[in-house]
Amino acid sequence: GSLRLSCIASGSISSINGMYWYRQAPGKQR
């Protein structure tokens, strides 16, 4: 199947360069 994740930023957004997605599974490192 498929999923779509979204992330909205607010605040000091003009300084943003990289936008990342990380994940962490149980018992594992991010």
PDB file of all heavy atoms in Angstrom:
ATOM      1  N   GLY A   1       0.797  -1.209   0.000  1.00  0.00           N
ATOM      2  CA  GLY A   1       0.000   0.000   0.000  1.00  0.00           C
ATOM      3  C   GLY A   1       0.833   1.265   0.000  1.00  0.00           C
ATOM      4  O   GLY A   1       2.078   1.224  -0.056  1.00  0.00           O
ATOM      5  N   SER A   2       0.149   2.384   0.082  1.00  0.00           N
ATOM      6  CA  SER A   2       0.806   3.687   0.036  1.00  0.00           C
ATOM      7  C   SER A   2       0.324   4.571   1.179  1.00  0.00           C
ATOM      8  O   SER A   2      -0.802   4.427   1.663  1.00  0.00           O
ATOM      9  CB  SER A   2       0.497   4.392  -1.294  1.00  0.00           C
ATOM     10  OG  SER A   2       0.993   3.671  -2.392  1.00  0.00           O
ATOM     11  N   LEU A   3       1.205   5.461   1.583  1.00  0.00           N
ATOM     12  CA  LEU A   3       0.854   6.493   2.550  1.00  0.00           C
ATOM     13  C   LEU A   3       1.561   7.779   2.142  1.00  0.00           C
ATOM     14  O   LEU A   3       2.646   7.744   1.540  1.00  0.00           O
ATOM     15  CB  LEU A   3       1.292   6.113   3.970  1.00  0.00           C
ATOM     16  CG  LEU A   3       0.437   5.121   4.745  1.00  0.00           C
ATOM     17  CD1 LEU A   3       1.127   4.763   6.066  1.00  0.00           C
ATOM     18  CD2 LEU A   3      -0.947   5.664   4.999  1.00  0.00           C
ATOM     19  N   ARG A   4       0.960   8.874   2.525  1.00  0.00           N
ATOM     20  CA  ARG A   4       1.535  10.188   2.229  1.00  0.00           C
ATOM     21  C   ARG A   4       1.697  10.944   3.538  1.00  0.00           C
ATOM     22  O   ARG A   4       0.702  11.228   4.214  1.00  0.00           O
ATOM     23  CB  ARG A   4       0.613  10.945   1.275  1.00  0.00           C
ATOM     24  CG  ARG A   4       1.062  12.326   0.863  1.00  0.00           C
ATOM     25  CD  ARG A   4      -0.004  12.935  -0.051  1.00  0.00           C
ATOM     26  NE  ARG A   4       0.247  14.317  -0.391  1.00  0.00           N
ATOM     27  CZ  ARG A   4       0.912  14.716  -1.441  1.00  0.00           C
ATOM     28  NH1 ARG A   4       1.421  13.829  -2.268  1.00  0.00           N
ATOM     29  NH2 ARG A   4       1.080  16.007  -1.684  1.00  0.00           N
ATOM     30  N   LEU A   5       2.917  11.236   3.882  1.00  0.00           N
ATOM     31  CA  LEU A   5       3.205  11.987   5.094  1.00  0.00           C
ATOM     32  C   LEU A   5       3.429  13.452   4.733  1.00  0.00           C
ATOM     33  O   LEU A   5       4.119  13.751   3.751  1.00  0.00           O
ATOM     34  CB  LEU A   5       4.449  11.441   5.792  1.00  0.00           C
ATOM     35  CG  LEU A   5       4.463   9.956   6.133  1.00  0.00           C
ATOM     36  CD1 LEU A   5       5.741   9.605   6.891  1.00  0.00           C
ATOM     37  CD2 LEU A   5       3.247   9.556   6.931  1.00  0.00           C
ATOM     38  N   SER A   6       2.869  14.314   5.553  1.00  0.00           N
ATOM     39  CA  SER A   6       3.052  15.750   5.348  1.00  0.00           C
ATOM     40  C   SER A   6       3.603  16.385   6.606  1.00  0.00           C
ATOM     41  O   SER A   6       3.350  15.912   7.716  1.00  0.00           O
ATOM     42  CB  SER A   6       1.717  16.404   4.995  1.00  0.00           C
ATOM     43  OG  SER A   6       1.212  15.939   3.774  1.00  0.00           O
ATOM     44  N   CYS A   7       4.329  17.453   6.419  1.00  0.00           N
ATOM     45  CA  CYS A   7       4.905  18.183   7.542  1.00  0.00           C
ATOM     46  C   CYS A   7       4.838  19.671   7.221  1.00  0.00           C
ATOM     47  O   CYS A   7       5.309  20.097   6.158  1.00  0.00           O
ATOM     48  CB  CYS A   7       6.343  17.738   7.771  1.00  0.00           C
ATOM     49  SG  CYS A   7       7.228  18.636   9.069  1.00  0.00           S
ATOM     50  N   ILE A   8       4.240  20.411   8.125  1.00  0.00           N
ATOM     51  CA  ILE A   8       4.110  21.860   7.948  1.00  0.00           C
ATOM     52  C   ILE A   8       5.011  22.562   8.953  1.00  0.00           C
ATOM     53  O   ILE A   8       4.976  22.241  10.148  1.00  0.00           O
ATOM     54  CB  ILE A   8       2.661  22.314   8.132  1.00  0.00           C
ATOM     55  CG1 ILE A   8       1.763  21.628   7.105  1.00  0.00           C
ATOM     56  CG2 ILE A   8       2.547  23.821   8.008  1.00  0.00           C
ATOM     57  CD1 ILE A   8       0.291  21.926   7.289  1.00  0.00           C
ATOM     58  N   ALA A   9       5.801  23.492   8.458  1.00  0.00           N
ATOM     59  CA  ALA A   9       6.712  24.253   9.301  1.00  0.00           C
ATOM     60  C   ALA A   9       6.164  25.643   9.571  1.00  0.00           C
ATOM     61  O   ALA A   9       5.520  26.249   8.718  1.00  0.00           O
ATOM     62  CB  ALA A   9       8.079  24.356   8.642  1.00  0.00           C
ATOM     63  N   SER A  10       6.439  26.135  10.760  1.00  0.00           N
ATOM     64  CA  SER A  10       6.086  27.506  11.114  1.00  0.00           C
ATOM     65  C   SER A  10       7.198  28.076  11.978  1.00  0.00           C
ATOM     66  O   SER A  10       8.022  27.349  12.525  1.00  0.00           O
ATOM     67  CB  SER A  10       4.746  27.560  11.838  1.00  0.00           C
ATOM     68  OG  SER A  10       4.784  26.805  13.032  1.00  0.00           O
ATOM     69  N   GLY A  11       7.202  29.387  12.102  1.00  0.00           N
ATOM     70  CA  GLY A  11       8.241  30.042  12.880  1.00  0.00           C
ATOM     71  C   GLY A  11       9.275  30.670  11.978  1.00  0.00           C
ATOM     72  O   GLY A  11       8.932  31.315  10.985  1.00  0.00           O
ATOM     73  N   SER A  12      10.537  30.452  12.284  1.00  0.00           N
ATOM     74  CA  SER A  12      11.647  31.065  11.528  1.00  0.00           C
ATOM     75  C   SER A  12      11.920  30.269  10.257  1.00  0.00           C
ATOM     76  O   SER A  12      13.009  29.718  10.070  1.00  0.00           O
ATOM     77  CB  SER A  12      12.902  31.121  12.396  1.00  0.00           C
ATOM     78  OG  SER A  12      12.670  31.877  13.569  1.00  0.00           O
ATOM     79  N   ILE A  13      10.942  30.243   9.373  1.00  0.00           N
ATOM     80  CA  ILE A  13      11.008  29.363   8.205  1.00  0.00           C
ATOM     81  C   ILE A  13      11.940  29.881   7.125  1.00  0.00           C
ATOM     82  O   ILE A  13      12.383  29.115   6.280  1.00  0.00           O
ATOM     83  CB  ILE A  13       9.601  29.131   7.626  1.00  0.00           C
ATOM     84  CG1 ILE A  13       8.932  30.478   7.322  1.00  0.00           C
ATOM     85  CG2 ILE A  13       8.766  28.306   8.590  1.00  0.00           C
ATOM     86  CD1 ILE A  13       7.577  30.349   6.690  1.00  0.00           C
ATOM     87  N   SER A  14      12.261  31.145   7.148  1.00  0.00           N
ATOM     88  CA  SER A  14      13.118  31.690   6.093  1.00  0.00           C
ATOM     89  C   SER A  14      14.529  31.125   6.168  1.00  0.00           C
ATOM     90  O   SER A  14      15.267  31.147   5.191  1.00  0.00           O
ATOM     91  CB  SER A  14      13.170  33.213   6.184  1.00  0.00           C
ATOM     92  OG  SER A  14      13.720  33.622   7.420  1.00  0.00           O
ATOM     93  N   SER A  15      14.889  30.600   7.331  1.00  0.00           N
ATOM     94  CA  SER A  15      16.238  30.062   7.510  1.00  0.00           C
ATOM     95  C   SER A  15      16.351  28.585   7.170  1.00  0.00           C
ATOM     96  O   SER A  15      17.424  28.007   7.262  1.00  0.00           O
ATOM     97  CB  SER A  15      16.688  30.283   8.962  1.00  0.00           C
ATOM     98  OG  SER A  15      15.831  29.597   9.842  1.00  0.00           O
ATOM     99  N   ILE A  16      15.250  27.976   6.777  1.00  0.00           N
ATOM    100  CA  ILE A  16      15.257  26.536   6.497  1.00  0.00           C
ATOM    101  C   ILE A  16      16.002  26.222   5.211  1.00  0.00           C
ATOM    102  O   ILE A  16      15.748  26.833   4.181  1.00  0.00           O
ATOM    103  CB  ILE A  16      13.823  25.976   6.415  1.00  0.00           C
ATOM    104  CG1 ILE A  16      13.160  26.037   7.792  1.00  0.00           C
ATOM    105  CG2 ILE A  16      13.836  24.546   5.894  1.00  0.00           C
ATOM    106  CD1 ILE A  16      11.706  25.651   7.777  1.00  0.00           C
ATOM    107  N   ASN A  17      16.921  25.242   5.280  1.00  0.00           N
ATOM    108  CA  ASN A  17      17.563  24.740   4.075  1.00  0.00           C
ATOM    109  C   ASN A  17      17.092  23.310   3.829  1.00  0.00           C
ATOM    110  O   ASN A  17      16.192  23.068   3.034  1.00  0.00           O
ATOM    111  CB  ASN A  17      19.078  24.819   4.202  1.00  0.00           C
ATOM    112  CG  ASN A  17      19.779  24.389   2.914  1.00  0.00           C
ATOM    113  OD1 ASN A  17      19.140  24.110   1.900  1.00  0.00           O
ATOM    114  ND2 ASN A  17      21.095  24.334   2.950  1.00  0.00           N
ATOM    115  N   GLY A  18      17.674  22.363   4.522  1.00  0.00           N
ATOM    116  CA  GLY A  18      17.263  20.982   4.320  1.00  0.00           C
ATOM    117  C   GLY A  18      15.974  20.637   5.043  1.00  0.00           C
ATOM    118  O   GLY A  18      15.734  21.086   6.156  1.00  0.00           O
ATOM    119  N   MET A  19      15.140  19.839   4.378  1.00  0.00           N
ATOM    120  CA  MET A  19      13.932  19.307   5.001  1.00  0.00           C
ATOM    121  C   MET A  19      14.050  17.792   4.920  1.00  0.00           C
ATOM    122  O   MET A  19      14.274  17.238   3.835  1.00  0.00           O
ATOM    123  CB  MET A  19      12.673  19.816   4.296  1.00  0.00           C
ATOM    124  CG  MET A  19      12.592  21.329   4.272  1.00  0.00           C
ATOM    125  SD  MET A  19      11.055  21.986   3.587  1.00  0.00           S
ATOM    126  CE  MET A  19       9.983  21.904   5.040  1.00  0.00           C
ATOM    127  N   TYR A  20      13.902  17.131   6.048  1.00  0.00           N
ATOM    128  CA  TYR A  20      14.256  15.724   6.193  1.00  0.00           C
ATOM    129  C   TYR A  20      13.059  14.884   6.652  1.00  0.00           C
ATOM    130  O   TYR A  20      12.172  15.364   7.357  1.00  0.00           O
ATOM    131  CB  TYR A  20      15.336  15.558   7.265  1.00  0.00           C
ATOM    132  CG  TYR A  20      16.598  16.338   7.063  1.00  0.00           C
ATOM    133  CD1 TYR A  20      16.650  17.709   7.308  1.00  0.00           C
ATOM    134  CD2 TYR A  20      17.773  15.701   6.662  1.00  0.00           C
ATOM    135  CE1 TYR A  20      17.825  18.426   7.148  1.00  0.00           C
ATOM    136  CE2 TYR A  20      18.958  16.414   6.505  1.00  0.00           C
ATOM    137  CZ  TYR A  20      18.972  17.765   6.747  1.00  0.00           C
ATOM    138  OH  TYR A  20      20.147  18.469   6.589  1.00  0.00           O
ATOM    139  N   TRP A  21      13.117  13.622   6.292  1.00  0.00           N
ATOM    140  CA  TRP A  21      12.296  12.596   6.917  1.00  0.00           C
ATOM    141  C   TRP A  21      13.234  11.526   7.472  1.00  0.00           C
ATOM    142  O   TRP A  21      14.079  11.002   6.740  1.00  0.00           O
ATOM    143  CB  TRP A  21      11.316  11.962   5.939  1.00  0.00           C
ATOM    144  CG  TRP A  21      10.169  12.848   5.608  1.00  0.00           C
ATOM    145  CD1 TRP A  21      10.006  13.636   4.505  1.00  0.00           C
ATOM    146  CD2 TRP A  21       9.000  13.057   6.412  1.00  0.00           C
ATOM    147  NE1 TRP A  21       8.825  14.320   4.567  1.00  0.00           N
ATOM    148  CE2 TRP A  21       8.176  13.979   5.727  1.00  0.00           C
ATOM    149  CE3 TRP A  21       8.558  12.558   7.647  1.00  0.00           C
ATOM    150  CZ2 TRP A  21       6.947  14.412   6.224  1.00  0.00           C
ATOM    151  CZ3 TRP A  21       7.344  12.980   8.140  1.00  0.00           C
ATOM    152  CH2 TRP A  21       6.554  13.899   7.431  1.00  0.00           C
ATOM    153  N   TYR A  22      13.077  11.262   8.744  1.00  0.00           N
ATOM    154  CA  TYR A  22      13.778  10.189   9.425  1.00  0.00           C
ATOM    155  C   TYR A  22      12.746   9.178   9.897  1.00  0.00           C
ATOM    156  O   TYR A  22      11.555   9.466   9.949  1.00  0.00           O
ATOM    157  CB  TYR A  22      14.529  10.716  10.650  1.00  0.00           C
ATOM    158  CG  TYR A  22      15.837  11.401  10.366  1.00  0.00           C
ATOM    159  CD1 TYR A  22      15.874  12.719   9.918  1.00  0.00           C
ATOM    160  CD2 TYR A  22      17.051  10.739  10.569  1.00  0.00           C
ATOM    161  CE1 TYR A  22      17.087  13.350   9.673  1.00  0.00           C
ATOM    162  CE2 TYR A  22      18.258  11.374  10.334  1.00  0.00           C
ATOM    163  CZ  TYR A  22      18.271  12.673   9.890  1.00  0.00           C
ATOM    164  OH  TYR A  22      19.471  13.304   9.651  1.00  0.00           O
ATOM    165  N   ARG A  23      13.220   8.022  10.285  1.00  0.00           N
ATOM    166  CA  ARG A  23      12.335   7.038  10.904  1.00  0.00           C
ATOM    167  C   ARG A  23      13.088   6.263  11.967  1.00  0.00           C
ATOM    168  O   ARG A  23      14.311   6.145  11.914  1.00  0.00           O
ATOM    169  CB  ARG A  23      11.741   6.087   9.879  1.00  0.00           C
ATOM    170  CG  ARG A  23      12.728   5.128   9.240  1.00  0.00           C
ATOM    171  CD  ARG A  23      12.034   4.309   8.149  1.00  0.00           C
ATOM    172  NE  ARG A  23      12.934   3.322   7.545  1.00  0.00           N
ATOM    173  CZ  ARG A  23      12.608   2.586   6.487  1.00  0.00           C
ATOM    174  NH1 ARG A  23      11.401   2.730   5.916  1.00  0.00           N
ATOM    175  NH2 ARG A  23      13.454   1.707   6.000  1.00  0.00           N
ATOM    176  N   GLN A  24      12.315   5.765  12.918  1.00  0.00           N
ATOM    177  CA  GLN A  24      12.901   4.952  13.989  1.00  0.00           C
ATOM    178  C   GLN A  24      11.979   3.782  14.278  1.00  0.00           C
ATOM    179  O   GLN A  24      10.830   3.970  14.705  1.00  0.00           O
ATOM    180  CB  GLN A  24      13.134   5.771  15.246  1.00  0.00           C
ATOM    181  CG  GLN A  24      13.892   5.025  16.316  1.00  0.00           C
ATOM    182  CD  GLN A  24      14.412   5.940  17.417  1.00  0.00           C
ATOM    183  OE1 GLN A  24      13.940   7.051  17.597  1.00  0.00           O
ATOM    184  NE2 GLN A  24      15.407   5.464  18.153  1.00  0.00           N
ATOM    185  N   ALA A  25      12.490   2.603  14.016  1.00  0.00           N
ATOM    186  CA  ALA A  25      11.754   1.386  14.309  1.00  0.00           C
ATOM    187  C   ALA A  25      12.070   0.938  15.733  1.00  0.00           C
ATOM    188  O   ALA A  25      13.121   1.299  16.286  1.00  0.00           O
ATOM    189  CB  ALA A  25      12.130   0.294  13.312  1.00  0.00           C
ATOM    190  N   PRO A  26      11.183   0.153  16.341  1.00  0.00           N
ATOM    191  CA  PRO A  26      11.434  -0.308  17.715  1.00  0.00           C
ATOM    192  C   PRO A  26      12.775  -1.024  17.844  1.00  0.00           C
ATOM    193  O   PRO A  26      13.095  -1.906  17.034  1.00  0.00           O
ATOM    194  CB  PRO A  26      10.271  -1.263  17.967  1.00  0.00           C
ATOM    195  CG  PRO A  26       9.193  -0.800  17.062  1.00  0.00           C
ATOM    196  CD  PRO A  26       9.894  -0.305  15.826  1.00  0.00           C
ATOM    197  N   GLY A  27      13.565  -0.606  18.812  1.00  0.00           N
ATOM    198  CA  GLY A  27      14.849  -1.241  19.068  1.00  0.00           C
ATOM    199  C   GLY A  27      15.954  -0.866  18.110  1.00  0.00           C
ATOM    200  O   GLY A  27      17.052  -1.433  18.167  1.00  0.00           O
ATOM    201  N   LYS A  28      15.668   0.079  17.215  1.00  0.00           N
ATOM    202  CA  LYS A  28      16.668   0.478  16.229  1.00  0.00           C
ATOM    203  C   LYS A  28      16.976   1.959  16.341  1.00  0.00           C
ATOM    204  O   LYS A  28      16.222   2.734  16.922  1.00  0.00           O
ATOM    205  CB  LYS A  28      16.183   0.148  14.818  1.00  0.00           C
ATOM    206  CG  LYS A  28      16.038  -1.336  14.556  1.00  0.00           C
ATOM    207  CD  LYS A  28      15.756  -1.606  13.092  1.00  0.00           C
ATOM    208  CE  LYS A  28      15.689  -3.095  12.805  1.00  0.00           C
ATOM    209  NZ  LYS A  28      15.428  -3.372  11.370  1.00  0.00           N
ATOM    210  N   GLN A  29      18.104   2.342  15.761  1.00  0.00           N
ATOM    211  CA  GLN A  29      18.469   3.754  15.758  1.00  0.00           C
ATOM    212  C   GLN A  29      17.648   4.523  14.721  1.00  0.00           C
ATOM    213  O   GLN A  29      17.161   3.945  13.740  1.00  0.00           O
ATOM    214  CB  GLN A  29      19.961   3.902  15.437  1.00  0.00           C
ATOM    215  CG  GLN A  29      20.887   3.438  16.553  1.00  0.00           C
ATOM    216  CD  GLN A  29      22.341   3.796  16.284  1.00  0.00           C
ATOM    217  OE1 GLN A  29      22.766   3.885  15.134  1.00  0.00           O
ATOM    218  NE2 GLN A  29      23.113   4.016  17.335  1.00  0.00           N
ATOM    219  N   ARG A  30      17.518   5.805  14.983  1.00  0.00           N
ATOM    220  CA  ARG A  30      16.841   6.663  14.017  1.00  0.00           C
ATOM    221  C   ARG A  30      17.689   6.722  12.752  1.00  0.00           C
ATOM    222  O   ARG A  30      18.908   6.862  12.815  1.00  0.00           O
ATOM    223  CB  ARG A  30      16.641   8.051  14.601  1.00  0.00           C
ATOM    224  CG  ARG A  30      15.722   8.940  13.811  1.00  0.00           C
ATOM    225  CD  ARG A  30      15.390  10.209  14.569  1.00  0.00           C
ATOM    226  NE  ARG A  30      14.670   9.935  15.810  1.00  0.00           N
ATOM    227  CZ  ARG A  30      14.130  10.884  16.568  1.00  0.00           C
ATOM    228  NH1 ARG A  30      14.222  12.166  16.198  1.00  0.00           N
ATOM    229  NH2 ARG A  30      13.508  10.578  17.684  1.00  0.00           N
TER     230      ARG A  30
END
